[in-house]
Amino acid sequence: MSKKQNKVNPEESRRVAEKNYEPSDYKGNTQIEKGLAETHEQASDDYFEGTLDQKRE
């Protein structure tokens, strides 16, 4: 890999770091939007599933 490929654009890094999940990310086209939507879905599924020690009704 060349050194040019390893350089990180500070503005791009800042933009990515400041991004939060938005419901519109499910319809997004960028890798960031798709990743946030998928991560939100996984976290939401785990949260609503509960834990193994949870009482069942």
Protein backbone atom coordinates (compact mmCIF):
# COMPACT_ATOMS: atom_id res chain seq x y z
CA MET A 1 0.00 0.00 0.00
CA SER A 2 1.39 3.41 -0.89
CA LYS A 3 1.74 6.26 1.58
CA LYS A 4 -0.86 8.25 -0.33
CA GLN A 5 -3.51 5.61 0.40
CA ASN A 6 -2.73 5.76 4.14
CA LYS A 7 -3.26 9.52 4.45
CA VAL A 8 -6.36 10.52 6.36
CA ASN A 9 -8.23 13.62 5.34
CA PRO A 10 -8.95 15.53 8.59
CA GLU A 11 -12.14 17.09 7.21
CA GLU A 12 -13.49 13.71 6.12
CA SER A 13 -12.59 12.19 9.49
CA ARG A 14 -14.37 14.99 11.33
CA ARG A 15 -17.48 14.61 9.15
CA VAL A 16 -17.62 10.87 9.82
CA ALA A 17 -16.98 11.27 13.56
CA GLU A 18 -19.77 13.84 13.93
CA LYS A 19 -22.38 11.73 12.13
CA ASN A 20 -25.21 10.30 14.23
CA TYR A 21 -27.96 7.86 13.33
CA GLU A 22 -30.94 9.38 11.57
CA PRO A 23 -34.06 7.43 10.50
CA SER A 24 -33.38 8.57 6.93
CA ASP A 25 -30.17 6.47 7.00
CA TYR A 26 -32.28 3.41 6.11
CA LYS A 27 -32.76 5.00 2.68
CA GLY A 28 -29.23 6.42 2.47
CA ASN A 29 -26.76 5.73 -0.29
CA THR A 30 -23.44 6.29 1.47
CA GLN A 31 -21.45 3.65 3.29
CA ILE A 32 -21.75 5.70 6.50
CA GLU A 33 -25.55 5.89 6.30
CA LYS A 34 -25.90 2.20 5.50
CA GLY A 35 -23.53 1.27 8.33
CA LEU A 36 -25.35 3.42 10.87
CA ALA A 37 -28.71 2.01 9.82
CA GLU A 38 -27.45 -1.58 10.11
CA THR A 39 -25.81 -0.94 13.48
CA HIS A 40 -28.97 0.73 14.77
CA GLU A 41 -31.04 -2.25 13.63
CA GLN A 42 -28.73 -4.71 15.39
CA ALA A 43 -28.67 -2.71 18.63
CA SER A 44 -32.44 -2.28 18.54
CA ASP A 45 -33.00 -6.01 18.00
CA ASP A 46 -30.71 -6.89 20.91
CA TYR A 47 -32.36 -4.34 23.19
CA PHE A 48 -35.89 -5.59 22.51
CA GLU A 49 -34.85 -9.24 22.73
CA GLY A 50 -33.80 -8.75 26.34
CA THR A 51 -31.50 -10.95 28.37
CA LEU A 52 -31.45 -14.65 29.20
CA ASP A 53 -32.27 -14.02 32.85
CA GLN A 54 -35.36 -12.02 32.02
CA LYS A 55 -38.72 -13.41 33.24
CA ARG A 56 -41.06 -14.75 30.61
CA GLU A 57 -44.75 -14.08 30.79
